[in-house]
């Protein structure tokens, strides 16, 4: 079972370097989808990891992930943020999802790399959201069957909420597989913006999105 891991990156060479150093990709088909603006900052990483495929796409996470998916050859696509680390046994989760033909979309358990009690509270909130609403976000390393991704038309070209849009569309195609393995995301943005402030912003955005506010308007409000 060939797995393609698509990593979109924009001005985040430091996080990508830590991800590349994790050495958890085994024989996966790894595609880094950067922008032309990242060419110089990623030059050293490109040289250090010649087995990865490095492509360029117009800026925008959805556009970059679609470009990576178009270049992928795996039966499953894993969309991995540069500041998220896959669990050591990530392949087991995808193998279990692959064994169930009813599954078209999967995610890992959300975890943050901070010892703060705020991080634990956010993790619990995310687990409740996924358990009750079946709504994981992109920082949980979403994985999908490539055939289904192609039929669905990939990610919608949205400035934000592209992951929510994809999950909602894929849930109509098949089951969501929730892996118990944790994908660990850097807490740097919460630490930078404030735990409460960033969490409230996330809640405001998702509520407004489901109330019908367009992603373009939401992005403009940030």
N, C-alpha and C. Protein backbone atom coordinates (compact mmCIF):
# COMPACT_ATOMS: atom_id res chain seq x y z
N UNK A 1 0.85 -1.19 0.00
CA UNK A 1 0.00 0.00 0.00
C UNK A 1 0.88 1.23 0.00
N UNK A 2 0.89 1.97 -1.10
CA UNK A 2 1.70 3.17 -1.18
C UNK A 2 0.93 4.35 -0.62
N UNK A 3 1.58 5.11 0.23
CA UNK A 3 0.99 6.29 0.84
C UNK A 3 1.77 7.51 0.39
N UNK A 4 1.08 8.53 -0.03
CA UNK A 4 1.71 9.81 -0.38
C UNK A 4 1.40 10.80 0.74
N UNK A 5 2.44 11.46 1.23
CA UNK A 5 2.29 12.48 2.27
C UNK A 5 2.52 13.84 1.63
N UNK A 6 1.51 14.67 1.67
CA UNK A 6 1.59 16.00 1.07
C UNK A 6 1.75 17.03 2.19
N UNK A 7 2.83 17.82 2.10
CA UNK A 7 3.13 18.81 3.14
C UNK A 7 3.13 20.20 2.51
N UNK A 8 2.09 20.99 2.75
CA UNK A 8 2.11 22.37 2.24
C UNK A 8 2.95 23.24 3.18
N UNK A 9 3.72 24.14 2.62
CA UNK A 9 4.55 25.00 3.46
C UNK A 9 4.64 26.39 2.86
N UNK A 10 4.57 27.38 3.74
CA UNK A 10 4.75 28.77 3.32
C UNK A 10 5.50 29.51 4.41
N UNK A 11 6.71 29.92 4.09
CA UNK A 11 7.55 30.66 5.03
C UNK A 11 7.64 29.99 6.39
N UNK A 12 7.90 28.71 6.38
CA UNK A 12 7.96 27.95 7.62
C UNK A 12 9.05 26.89 7.54
N UNK A 13 10.24 27.31 7.11
CA UNK A 13 11.34 26.38 6.92
C UNK A 13 11.76 25.72 8.23
N UNK A 14 11.69 26.47 9.34
CA UNK A 14 12.12 25.92 10.62
C UNK A 14 11.24 24.75 11.05
N UNK A 15 9.93 24.92 10.94
CA UNK A 15 9.02 23.82 11.30
C UNK A 15 9.20 22.64 10.36
N UNK A 16 9.39 22.92 9.10
CA UNK A 16 9.57 21.84 8.13
C UNK A 16 10.86 21.08 8.41
N UNK A 17 11.90 21.78 8.83
CA UNK A 17 13.16 21.11 9.15
C UNK A 17 12.98 20.14 10.30
N UNK A 18 12.21 20.54 11.32
CA UNK A 18 11.95 19.62 12.44
C UNK A 18 11.14 18.42 11.98
N UNK A 19 10.19 18.66 11.09
CA UNK A 19 9.37 17.56 10.58
C UNK A 19 10.22 16.59 9.77
N UNK A 20 11.07 17.11 8.92
CA UNK A 20 11.93 16.24 8.10
C UNK A 20 12.88 15.43 8.97
N UNK A 21 13.32 16.02 10.08
CA UNK A 21 14.27 15.34 10.97
C UNK A 21 13.61 14.21 11.75
N UNK A 22 12.28 14.15 11.77
CA UNK A 22 11.58 13.12 12.55
C UNK A 22 11.80 11.73 11.99
N UNK A 23 12.10 11.64 10.70
CA UNK A 23 12.40 10.35 10.04
C UNK A 23 11.29 9.31 10.25
N UNK A 24 10.05 9.76 10.16
CA UNK A 24 8.94 8.84 10.35
C UNK A 24 8.21 8.54 9.05
N UNK A 25 8.84 8.82 7.93
CA UNK A 25 8.14 8.68 6.66
C UNK A 25 8.36 7.32 6.01
N UNK A 26 9.34 6.54 6.52
CA UNK A 26 9.63 5.22 5.97
C UNK A 26 9.76 5.31 4.45
N UNK A 27 9.01 4.45 3.75
CA UNK A 27 9.10 4.46 2.29
C UNK A 27 7.93 5.19 1.65
N UNK A 28 7.32 6.10 2.39
CA UNK A 28 6.19 6.86 1.85
C UNK A 28 6.68 7.81 0.75
N UNK A 29 5.77 8.14 -0.12
CA UNK A 29 6.00 9.11 -1.18
C UNK A 29 5.74 10.50 -0.58
N UNK A 30 6.81 11.24 -0.27
CA UNK A 30 6.69 12.53 0.41
C UNK A 30 6.80 13.67 -0.60
N UNK A 31 5.78 14.52 -0.60
CA UNK A 31 5.73 15.65 -1.53
C UNK A 31 5.61 16.93 -0.72
N UNK A 32 6.58 17.82 -0.86
CA UNK A 32 6.53 19.13 -0.20
C UNK A 32 6.04 20.14 -1.23
N UNK A 33 4.91 20.75 -0.94
CA UNK A 33 4.31 21.73 -1.85
C UNK A 33 4.55 23.12 -1.29
N UNK A 34 5.55 23.79 -1.82
CA UNK A 34 5.92 25.12 -1.36
C UNK A 34 5.51 26.16 -2.39
N UNK A 35 5.88 27.39 -2.15
CA UNK A 35 5.60 28.48 -3.09
C UNK A 35 6.91 28.98 -3.66
N UNK A 36 6.89 29.70 -4.78
CA UNK A 36 8.13 30.26 -5.31
C UNK A 36 8.86 31.14 -4.31
N UNK A 37 8.12 31.76 -3.39
CA UNK A 37 8.74 32.61 -2.38
C UNK A 37 9.60 31.82 -1.41
N UNK A 38 9.35 30.51 -1.29
CA UNK A 38 10.09 29.67 -0.35
C UNK A 38 11.35 29.06 -0.96
N UNK A 39 11.58 29.30 -2.21
CA UNK A 39 12.66 28.60 -2.92
C UNK A 39 14.00 28.75 -2.22
N UNK A 40 14.35 29.96 -1.87
CA UNK A 40 15.67 30.20 -1.25
C UNK A 40 15.74 29.63 0.16
N UNK A 41 14.69 29.83 0.96
CA UNK A 41 14.74 29.38 2.35
C UNK A 41 14.73 27.86 2.48
N UNK A 42 14.23 27.16 1.47
CA UNK A 42 14.14 25.70 1.52
C UNK A 42 15.28 25.01 0.76
N UNK A 43 16.20 25.78 0.22
CA UNK A 43 17.26 25.20 -0.62
C UNK A 43 18.08 24.16 0.15
N UNK A 44 18.44 24.46 1.39
CA UNK A 44 19.25 23.52 2.17
C UNK A 44 18.48 22.25 2.47
N UNK A 45 17.19 22.37 2.78
CA UNK A 45 16.37 21.19 3.05
C UNK A 45 16.19 20.33 1.80
N UNK A 46 16.03 20.97 0.68
CA UNK A 46 15.92 20.23 -0.58
C UNK A 46 17.16 19.39 -0.82
N UNK A 47 18.32 19.98 -0.56
CA UNK A 47 19.58 19.27 -0.76
C UNK A 47 19.74 18.12 0.23
N UNK A 48 19.24 18.33 1.46
CA UNK A 48 19.39 17.32 2.50
C UNK A 48 18.41 16.15 2.36
N UNK A 49 17.32 16.38 1.63
CA UNK A 49 16.29 15.34 1.48
C UNK A 49 15.94 15.14 0.00
N UNK A 50 16.88 14.59 -0.76
CA UNK A 50 16.64 14.41 -2.20
C UNK A 50 15.58 13.36 -2.51
N UNK A 51 15.25 12.50 -1.53
CA UNK A 51 14.23 11.48 -1.79
C UNK A 51 12.82 12.07 -1.77
N UNK A 52 12.66 13.25 -1.17
CA UNK A 52 11.37 13.92 -1.20
C UNK A 52 11.16 14.55 -2.58
N UNK A 53 9.92 14.74 -2.91
CA UNK A 53 9.62 15.49 -4.14
C UNK A 53 9.23 16.91 -3.75
N UNK A 54 9.87 17.87 -4.36
CA UNK A 54 9.67 19.28 -4.02
C UNK A 54 9.01 19.97 -5.20
N UNK A 55 7.81 20.47 -4.99
CA UNK A 55 7.10 21.14 -6.06
C UNK A 55 6.72 22.55 -5.61
N UNK A 56 6.38 23.38 -6.56
CA UNK A 56 5.94 24.74 -6.26
C UNK A 56 4.54 24.95 -6.78
N UNK A 57 3.77 25.74 -6.05
CA UNK A 57 2.39 26.03 -6.42
C UNK A 57 2.07 27.45 -5.97
N UNK A 58 1.04 28.05 -6.53
CA UNK A 58 0.62 29.37 -6.05
C UNK A 58 0.29 29.32 -4.57
N UNK A 59 0.54 30.39 -3.87
CA UNK A 59 0.31 30.45 -2.43
C UNK A 59 -1.15 30.19 -2.10
N UNK A 60 -1.37 29.45 -1.04
CA UNK A 60 -2.71 29.08 -0.59
C UNK A 60 -2.68 27.61 -0.21
N UNK A 61 -3.04 27.29 1.03
CA UNK A 61 -2.92 25.91 1.49
C UNK A 61 -3.72 24.95 0.60
N UNK A 62 -4.94 25.33 0.23
CA UNK A 62 -5.75 24.45 -0.62
C UNK A 62 -5.07 24.24 -1.97
N UNK A 63 -4.57 25.31 -2.59
CA UNK A 63 -3.91 25.18 -3.88
C UNK A 63 -2.66 24.33 -3.78
N UNK A 64 -1.90 24.54 -2.73
CA UNK A 64 -0.66 23.77 -2.57
C UNK A 64 -0.94 22.29 -2.32
N UNK A 65 -1.96 21.99 -1.52
CA UNK A 65 -2.29 20.59 -1.26
C UNK A 65 -2.85 19.92 -2.51
N UNK A 66 -3.62 20.64 -3.29
CA UNK A 66 -4.13 20.08 -4.55
C UNK A 66 -2.98 19.80 -5.52
N UNK A 67 -2.00 20.70 -5.56
CA UNK A 67 -0.85 20.49 -6.43
C UNK A 67 -0.06 19.27 -5.99
N UNK A 68 0.10 19.13 -4.67
CA UNK A 68 0.79 17.95 -4.17
C UNK A 68 0.04 16.67 -4.46
N UNK A 69 -1.27 16.70 -4.30
CA UNK A 69 -2.09 15.53 -4.59
C UNK A 69 -2.03 15.15 -6.06
N UNK A 70 -1.96 16.15 -6.94
CA UNK A 70 -1.89 15.89 -8.38
C UNK A 70 -0.60 15.17 -8.75
N UNK A 71 0.44 15.40 -7.95
CA UNK A 71 1.73 14.76 -8.23
C UNK A 71 1.89 13.43 -7.52
N UNK A 72 0.93 13.09 -6.66
CA UNK A 72 1.05 11.90 -5.81
C UNK A 72 0.72 10.62 -6.56
N UNK A 73 1.32 9.53 -6.07
CA UNK A 73 1.04 8.22 -6.66
C UNK A 73 0.46 7.23 -5.69
N UNK A 74 0.30 7.65 -4.44
CA UNK A 74 -0.18 6.74 -3.41
C UNK A 74 -1.66 6.47 -3.49
N UNK A 75 -2.07 5.32 -2.96
CA UNK A 75 -3.50 5.00 -2.90
C UNK A 75 -4.18 5.83 -1.83
N UNK A 76 -3.43 6.21 -0.83
CA UNK A 76 -3.91 7.11 0.22
C UNK A 76 -3.08 8.39 0.22
N UNK A 77 -3.73 9.50 0.50
CA UNK A 77 -3.07 10.79 0.62
C UNK A 77 -3.16 11.25 2.07
N UNK A 78 -2.03 11.61 2.65
CA UNK A 78 -1.99 12.19 3.99
C UNK A 78 -1.62 13.66 3.85
N UNK A 79 -2.47 14.54 4.33
CA UNK A 79 -2.20 15.98 4.26
C UNK A 79 -1.67 16.41 5.62
N UNK A 80 -0.39 16.73 5.65
CA UNK A 80 0.32 16.96 6.90
C UNK A 80 0.83 18.39 6.98
N UNK A 81 0.41 19.11 8.01
CA UNK A 81 0.93 20.46 8.23
C UNK A 81 2.39 20.38 8.67
N UNK A 82 3.17 21.39 8.31
CA UNK A 82 4.59 21.36 8.59
C UNK A 82 4.90 21.36 10.08
N UNK A 83 3.98 21.86 10.90
CA UNK A 83 4.23 21.91 12.34
C UNK A 83 3.52 20.79 13.10
N UNK A 84 3.16 19.72 12.39
CA UNK A 84 2.51 18.56 13.01
C UNK A 84 3.36 17.32 12.77
N UNK A 85 3.57 16.55 13.82
CA UNK A 85 4.36 15.33 13.74
C UNK A 85 3.45 14.10 13.73
N UNK A 86 3.66 13.23 12.76
CA UNK A 86 2.89 11.98 12.72
C UNK A 86 3.35 11.05 13.85
N UNK A 87 2.44 10.20 14.34
CA UNK A 87 2.86 9.20 15.34
C UNK A 87 3.77 8.17 14.68
N UNK A 88 4.56 7.51 15.49
CA UNK A 88 5.50 6.51 14.95
C UNK A 88 4.77 5.39 14.22
N UNK A 89 3.58 5.04 14.69
CA UNK A 89 2.82 3.94 14.10
C UNK A 89 1.70 4.42 13.18
N UNK A 90 1.93 5.52 12.48
CA UNK A 90 0.89 6.11 11.64
C UNK A 90 0.43 5.17 10.53
N UNK A 91 1.34 4.33 10.05
CA UNK A 91 0.96 3.41 8.97
C UNK A 91 -0.12 2.42 9.41
N UNK A 92 -0.08 2.02 10.68
CA UNK A 92 -1.08 1.07 11.18
C UNK A 92 -2.48 1.65 11.08
N UNK A 93 -2.60 2.94 11.39
CA UNK A 93 -3.92 3.59 11.32
C UNK A 93 -4.45 3.60 9.90
N UNK A 94 -3.60 3.92 8.95
CA UNK A 94 -4.04 3.96 7.56
C UNK A 94 -4.36 2.56 7.05
N UNK A 95 -3.59 1.58 7.49
CA UNK A 95 -3.88 0.19 7.09
C UNK A 95 -5.25 -0.24 7.60
N UNK A 96 -5.60 0.16 8.83
CA UNK A 96 -6.92 -0.20 9.37
C UNK A 96 -8.02 0.50 8.58
N UNK A 97 -7.80 1.76 8.23
CA UNK A 97 -8.79 2.47 7.42
C UNK A 97 -8.92 1.84 6.04
N UNK A 98 -7.79 1.43 5.48
CA UNK A 98 -7.79 0.84 4.14
C UNK A 98 -8.55 -0.48 4.11
N UNK A 99 -8.55 -1.18 5.23
CA UNK A 99 -9.22 -2.49 5.30
C UNK A 99 -10.73 -2.37 5.30
N UNK A 100 -11.26 -1.19 5.56
CA UNK A 100 -12.70 -0.98 5.59
C UNK A 100 -13.11 -0.16 4.37
N UNK A 101 -13.74 -0.77 3.37
CA UNK A 101 -14.09 -0.05 2.15
C UNK A 101 -15.11 1.07 2.37
N UNK A 102 -15.75 1.07 3.53
CA UNK A 102 -16.72 2.13 3.82
C UNK A 102 -16.04 3.43 4.21
N UNK A 103 -14.76 3.37 4.57
CA UNK A 103 -14.01 4.55 5.02
C UNK A 103 -13.42 5.29 3.82
N UNK A 104 -13.66 6.58 3.75
CA UNK A 104 -13.05 7.39 2.70
C UNK A 104 -12.17 8.48 3.27
N UNK A 105 -12.28 8.73 4.58
CA UNK A 105 -11.56 9.83 5.21
C UNK A 105 -11.15 9.41 6.61
N UNK A 106 -9.96 9.83 7.03
CA UNK A 106 -9.50 9.53 8.37
C UNK A 106 -8.73 10.68 8.97
N UNK A 107 -8.53 10.60 10.28
CA UNK A 107 -7.75 11.62 10.99
C UNK A 107 -7.09 10.98 12.19
N UNK A 108 -6.06 11.63 12.70
CA UNK A 108 -5.40 11.19 13.92
C UNK A 108 -5.94 11.98 15.11
N UNK A 109 -5.64 11.51 16.30
CA UNK A 109 -6.05 12.22 17.52
C UNK A 109 -5.23 13.48 17.66
N UNK A 110 -5.88 14.57 18.02
CA UNK A 110 -5.20 15.86 18.15
C UNK A 110 -4.44 15.93 19.47
N UNK A 111 -3.20 16.42 19.40
CA UNK A 111 -2.40 16.63 20.61
C UNK A 111 -1.50 17.84 20.38
N UNK A 112 -1.17 18.53 21.45
CA UNK A 112 -0.27 19.68 21.40
C UNK A 112 1.01 19.35 22.15
N UNK A 113 2.10 19.96 21.76
CA UNK A 113 3.40 19.63 22.35
C UNK A 113 3.74 20.47 23.57
N UNK A 114 2.74 21.06 24.21
CA UNK A 114 2.95 21.88 25.39
C UNK A 114 2.52 21.13 26.65
N UNK A 115 3.24 21.34 27.77
CA UNK A 115 2.83 20.72 29.04
C UNK A 115 1.73 21.50 29.75
N UNK A 116 1.31 22.63 29.21
CA UNK A 116 0.34 23.49 29.85
C UNK A 116 -1.02 22.80 29.99
N UNK A 117 -1.71 23.10 31.11
CA UNK A 117 -3.06 22.56 31.30
C UNK A 117 -4.00 23.11 30.23
N UNK A 118 -3.68 24.29 29.68
CA UNK A 118 -4.50 24.84 28.60
C UNK A 118 -4.47 23.93 27.38
N UNK A 119 -3.30 23.36 27.12
CA UNK A 119 -3.18 22.43 25.99
C UNK A 119 -4.05 21.21 26.19
N UNK A 120 -4.06 20.68 27.43
CA UNK A 120 -4.90 19.50 27.71
C UNK A 120 -6.38 19.84 27.55
N UNK A 121 -6.77 21.04 27.98
CA UNK A 121 -8.18 21.44 27.85
C UNK A 121 -8.57 21.55 26.38
N UNK A 122 -7.69 22.11 25.56
CA UNK A 122 -7.98 22.24 24.13
C UNK A 122 -8.06 20.86 23.48
N UNK A 123 -7.17 19.97 23.87
CA UNK A 123 -7.21 18.60 23.32
C UNK A 123 -8.54 17.92 23.63
N UNK A 124 -9.02 18.09 24.85
CA UNK A 124 -10.30 17.50 25.22
C UNK A 124 -11.43 18.10 24.39
N UNK A 125 -11.38 19.42 24.20
CA UNK A 125 -12.39 20.08 23.37
C UNK A 125 -12.40 19.56 21.96
N UNK A 126 -11.22 19.35 21.39
CA UNK A 126 -11.13 18.83 20.02
C UNK A 126 -11.68 17.41 19.95
N UNK A 127 -11.35 16.59 20.93
CA UNK A 127 -11.86 15.21 20.93
C UNK A 127 -13.38 15.18 21.01
N UNK A 128 -13.95 16.08 21.79
CA UNK A 128 -15.40 16.16 21.87
C UNK A 128 -15.99 16.60 20.53
N UNK A 129 -15.35 17.59 19.90
CA UNK A 129 -15.85 18.06 18.59
C UNK A 129 -15.85 16.93 17.57
N UNK A 130 -14.77 16.16 17.54
CA UNK A 130 -14.67 15.07 16.56
C UNK A 130 -15.65 13.96 16.90
N UNK A 131 -15.79 13.64 18.20
CA UNK A 131 -16.69 12.55 18.61
C UNK A 131 -18.15 12.91 18.38
N UNK A 132 -18.53 14.16 18.69
CA UNK A 132 -19.94 14.55 18.61
C UNK A 132 -20.33 14.98 17.20
N UNK A 133 -19.48 15.80 16.58
CA UNK A 133 -19.83 16.37 15.28
C UNK A 133 -19.12 15.71 14.10
N UNK A 134 -18.16 14.82 14.38
CA UNK A 134 -17.43 14.19 13.28
C UNK A 134 -16.68 15.20 12.44
N UNK A 135 -16.04 16.18 13.11
CA UNK A 135 -15.44 17.29 12.40
C UNK A 135 -13.98 17.51 12.81
N UNK A 136 -13.06 16.73 12.25
CA UNK A 136 -11.64 16.99 12.49
C UNK A 136 -11.15 18.15 11.62
N UNK A 137 -10.06 18.77 12.04
CA UNK A 137 -9.45 19.84 11.26
C UNK A 137 -8.16 19.34 10.62
N UNK A 138 -7.57 20.19 9.80
CA UNK A 138 -6.37 19.81 9.07
C UNK A 138 -5.17 19.52 9.93
N UNK A 139 -5.12 20.08 11.16
CA UNK A 139 -3.97 19.81 12.02
C UNK A 139 -4.05 18.44 12.68
N UNK A 140 -5.00 17.62 12.27
CA UNK A 140 -5.08 16.23 12.71
C UNK A 140 -4.59 15.28 11.62
N UNK A 141 -3.86 15.84 10.63
CA UNK A 141 -3.29 15.04 9.55
C UNK A 141 -4.36 14.20 8.85
N UNK A 142 -5.27 14.87 8.16
CA UNK A 142 -6.33 14.18 7.44
C UNK A 142 -5.75 13.25 6.39
N UNK A 143 -6.36 12.07 6.25
CA UNK A 143 -5.93 11.17 5.17
C UNK A 143 -7.16 10.65 4.43
N UNK A 144 -7.02 10.54 3.10
CA UNK A 144 -8.14 10.20 2.24
C UNK A 144 -7.69 9.22 1.16
N UNK A 145 -8.64 8.49 0.63
CA UNK A 145 -8.35 7.65 -0.53
C UNK A 145 -8.15 8.57 -1.75
N UNK A 146 -7.09 8.35 -2.48
CA UNK A 146 -6.77 9.24 -3.59
C UNK A 146 -7.86 9.19 -4.66
N UNK A 147 -8.45 8.03 -4.90
CA UNK A 147 -9.51 7.92 -5.90
C UNK A 147 -10.70 8.77 -5.51
N UNK A 148 -11.06 8.74 -4.23
CA UNK A 148 -12.19 9.55 -3.76
C UNK A 148 -11.85 11.04 -3.83
N UNK A 149 -10.60 11.37 -3.51
CA UNK A 149 -10.17 12.77 -3.55
C UNK A 149 -10.30 13.31 -4.97
N UNK A 150 -9.94 12.50 -5.96
CA UNK A 150 -10.03 12.95 -7.35
C UNK A 150 -11.48 13.14 -7.77
N UNK A 151 -12.34 12.20 -7.41
CA UNK A 151 -13.75 12.28 -7.77
C UNK A 151 -14.40 13.50 -7.11
N UNK A 152 -14.00 13.78 -5.87
CA UNK A 152 -14.59 14.90 -5.12
C UNK A 152 -14.07 16.25 -5.60
N UNK A 153 -13.04 16.24 -6.43
CA UNK A 153 -12.51 17.51 -6.94
C UNK A 153 -11.49 18.15 -6.04
N UNK A 154 -10.98 17.41 -5.02
CA UNK A 154 -9.94 17.92 -4.15
C UNK A 154 -10.42 19.00 -3.21
N UNK A 155 -9.48 19.78 -2.73
CA UNK A 155 -9.82 20.90 -1.85
C UNK A 155 -10.44 22.04 -2.64
N UNK A 156 -11.45 22.64 -2.09
CA UNK A 156 -12.02 23.85 -2.69
C UNK A 156 -11.03 24.99 -2.51
N UNK A 157 -10.95 25.87 -3.48
CA UNK A 157 -10.00 26.98 -3.45
C UNK A 157 -10.52 28.07 -2.51
N UNK A 158 -10.34 27.82 -1.21
CA UNK A 158 -10.83 28.73 -0.17
C UNK A 158 -9.65 29.28 0.62
N UNK A 159 -9.75 30.52 1.10
CA UNK A 159 -8.64 31.10 1.87
C UNK A 159 -8.50 30.49 3.26
N UNK A 160 -9.60 30.06 3.86
CA UNK A 160 -9.61 29.30 5.11
C UNK A 160 -10.81 28.35 5.06
N UNK A 161 -10.89 27.45 6.01
CA UNK A 161 -11.98 26.47 6.10
C UNK A 161 -11.95 25.43 4.98
N UNK A 162 -10.83 25.34 4.27
CA UNK A 162 -10.74 24.34 3.22
C UNK A 162 -10.80 22.93 3.80
N UNK A 163 -10.28 22.75 5.03
CA UNK A 163 -10.30 21.44 5.66
C UNK A 163 -11.72 21.06 6.11
N UNK A 164 -12.45 22.03 6.67
CA UNK A 164 -13.83 21.78 7.09
C UNK A 164 -14.70 21.44 5.88
N UNK A 165 -14.54 22.19 4.81
CA UNK A 165 -15.29 21.94 3.58
C UNK A 165 -15.02 20.52 3.06
N UNK A 166 -13.76 20.12 3.07
CA UNK A 166 -13.40 18.78 2.57
C UNK A 166 -14.03 17.70 3.45
N UNK A 167 -13.93 17.86 4.76
CA UNK A 167 -14.49 16.86 5.67
C UNK A 167 -15.99 16.72 5.47
N UNK A 168 -16.69 17.82 5.35
CA UNK A 168 -18.14 17.76 5.17
C UNK A 168 -18.51 17.04 3.87
N UNK A 169 -17.76 17.30 2.81
CA UNK A 169 -18.04 16.63 1.53
C UNK A 169 -17.70 15.14 1.59
N UNK A 170 -16.60 14.81 2.25
CA UNK A 170 -16.19 13.41 2.30
C UNK A 170 -17.08 12.59 3.22
N UNK A 171 -17.64 13.20 4.23
CA UNK A 171 -18.54 12.46 5.11
C UNK A 171 -19.78 11.99 4.36
N UNK A 172 -20.10 12.66 3.26
CA UNK A 172 -21.23 12.21 2.43
C UNK A 172 -20.83 11.05 1.53
N UNK A 173 -19.53 10.82 1.40
CA UNK A 173 -19.03 9.77 0.53
C UNK A 173 -18.76 8.47 1.28
N UNK A 174 -18.47 8.57 2.57
CA UNK A 174 -18.13 7.37 3.33
C UNK A 174 -17.89 7.71 4.79
N UNK A 175 -17.41 6.75 5.52
CA UNK A 175 -17.21 6.90 6.95
C UNK A 175 -15.92 7.65 7.27
N UNK A 176 -15.92 8.28 8.44
CA UNK A 176 -14.72 8.91 8.99
C UNK A 176 -14.07 7.91 9.94
N UNK A 177 -12.79 7.64 9.71
CA UNK A 177 -12.04 6.77 10.62
C UNK A 177 -11.24 7.65 11.58
N UNK A 178 -11.45 7.46 12.87
CA UNK A 178 -10.75 8.24 13.89
C UNK A 178 -9.65 7.38 14.51
N UNK A 179 -8.42 7.65 14.13
CA UNK A 179 -7.30 6.87 14.66
C UNK A 179 -7.01 7.30 16.10
N UNK A 180 -6.69 6.35 16.98
CA UNK A 180 -6.37 6.70 18.37
C UNK A 180 -4.96 7.28 18.52
N UNK A 181 -4.13 7.08 17.50
CA UNK A 181 -2.75 7.56 17.57
C UNK A 181 -2.73 9.08 17.53
N UNK A 182 -1.89 9.72 18.35
CA UNK A 182 -1.87 11.19 18.35
C UNK A 182 -0.92 11.77 17.31
N UNK A 183 -1.41 12.74 16.55
CA UNK A 183 -0.56 13.58 15.71
C UNK A 183 -0.30 14.84 16.54
N UNK A 184 0.96 15.12 16.82
CA UNK A 184 1.31 16.18 17.77
C UNK A 184 1.62 17.48 17.02
N UNK A 185 0.84 18.50 17.32
CA UNK A 185 0.99 19.80 16.68
C UNK A 185 1.72 20.77 17.61
N UNK A 186 2.54 21.62 17.02
CA UNK A 186 3.23 22.64 17.80
C UNK A 186 2.22 23.61 18.42
N UNK A 187 2.46 23.96 19.68
CA UNK A 187 1.59 24.90 20.38
C UNK A 187 2.05 26.34 20.19
N UNK A 188 2.99 26.57 19.29
CA UNK A 188 3.62 27.90 19.17
C UNK A 188 2.60 29.00 18.88
N UNK A 189 1.58 28.72 18.08
CA UNK A 189 0.62 29.78 17.73
C UNK A 189 -0.27 30.14 18.92
N UNK A 190 -0.63 29.15 19.72
CA UNK A 190 -1.40 29.43 20.94
C UNK A 190 -0.54 30.21 21.93
N UNK A 191 0.73 29.81 22.05
CA UNK A 191 1.63 30.50 22.97
C UNK A 191 1.91 31.92 22.51
N UNK A 192 1.94 32.12 21.21
CA UNK A 192 2.18 33.46 20.67
C UNK A 192 0.96 34.36 20.81
N UNK A 193 -0.21 33.84 20.47
CA UNK A 193 -1.43 34.66 20.45
C UNK A 193 -2.18 34.68 21.79
N UNK A 194 -1.84 33.72 22.65
CA UNK A 194 -2.59 33.57 23.90
C UNK A 194 -3.55 32.40 23.79
N UNK A 195 -3.54 31.53 24.79
CA UNK A 195 -4.37 30.32 24.72
C UNK A 195 -5.84 30.65 24.55
N UNK A 196 -6.34 31.56 25.35
CA UNK A 196 -7.76 31.89 25.29
C UNK A 196 -8.09 32.64 24.01
N UNK A 197 -7.24 33.60 23.64
CA UNK A 197 -7.52 34.43 22.46
C UNK A 197 -7.60 33.59 21.20
N UNK A 198 -6.64 32.69 21.02
CA UNK A 198 -6.65 31.88 19.79
C UNK A 198 -7.81 30.89 19.78
N UNK A 199 -8.12 30.32 20.93
CA UNK A 199 -9.23 29.37 21.01
C UNK A 199 -10.55 30.06 20.71
N UNK A 200 -10.75 31.24 21.26
CA UNK A 200 -11.98 32.00 20.99
C UNK A 200 -12.07 32.37 19.51
N UNK A 201 -10.94 32.72 18.91
CA UNK A 201 -10.94 33.04 17.47
C UNK A 201 -11.37 31.84 16.65
N UNK A 202 -10.84 30.67 16.98
CA UNK A 202 -11.23 29.45 16.26
C UNK A 202 -12.72 29.19 16.41
N UNK A 203 -13.24 29.32 17.62
CA UNK A 203 -14.66 29.09 17.85
C UNK A 203 -15.52 30.09 17.08
N UNK A 204 -15.10 31.34 17.10
CA UNK A 204 -15.86 32.37 16.37
C UNK A 204 -15.91 32.06 14.88
N UNK A 205 -14.78 31.66 14.32
CA UNK A 205 -14.72 31.38 12.88
C UNK A 205 -15.63 30.22 12.49
N UNK A 206 -15.58 29.13 13.26
CA UNK A 206 -16.37 27.97 12.87
C UNK A 206 -17.86 28.23 13.05
N UNK A 207 -18.24 28.97 14.10
CA UNK A 207 -19.65 29.30 14.29
C UNK A 207 -20.16 30.17 13.15
N UNK A 208 -19.39 31.20 12.79
CA UNK A 208 -19.80 32.09 11.70
C UNK A 208 -19.86 31.34 10.37
N UNK A 209 -18.92 30.41 10.18
CA UNK A 209 -18.93 29.63 8.94
C UNK A 209 -20.22 28.83 8.80
N UNK A 210 -20.64 28.18 9.88
CA UNK A 210 -21.86 27.39 9.83
C UNK A 210 -23.11 28.26 9.82
N UNK A 211 -22.95 29.52 10.16
CA UNK A 211 -24.06 30.46 10.04
C UNK A 211 -24.15 31.05 8.63
N UNK A 212 -23.20 30.69 7.78
CA UNK A 212 -23.27 31.10 6.38
C UNK A 212 -22.31 32.19 5.95
N UNK A 213 -21.44 32.64 6.85
CA UNK A 213 -20.46 33.65 6.47
C UNK A 213 -19.42 32.99 5.57
N UNK A 214 -19.07 33.61 4.47
CA UNK A 214 -18.16 33.02 3.50
C UNK A 214 -16.73 32.98 4.03
N UNK A 215 -15.95 31.99 3.60
CA UNK A 215 -14.54 31.94 4.00
C UNK A 215 -13.77 33.21 3.62
N UNK A 216 -14.15 33.83 2.51
CA UNK A 216 -13.48 35.05 2.11
C UNK A 216 -13.69 36.16 3.15
N UNK A 217 -14.93 36.30 3.63
CA UNK A 217 -15.21 37.30 4.65
C UNK A 217 -14.53 36.94 5.97
N UNK A 218 -14.51 35.69 6.29
CA UNK A 218 -13.85 35.26 7.52
C UNK A 218 -12.36 35.56 7.47
N UNK A 219 -11.74 35.26 6.34
CA UNK A 219 -10.30 35.52 6.19
C UNK A 219 -10.00 37.01 6.28
N UNK A 220 -10.89 37.82 5.72
CA UNK A 220 -10.69 39.28 5.75
C UNK A 220 -10.81 39.83 7.16
N UNK A 221 -11.51 39.10 8.05
CA UNK A 221 -11.72 39.59 9.40
C UNK A 221 -10.55 39.28 10.32
N UNK A 222 -9.62 38.47 9.87
CA UNK A 222 -8.49 38.07 10.72
C UNK A 222 -7.43 39.16 10.77
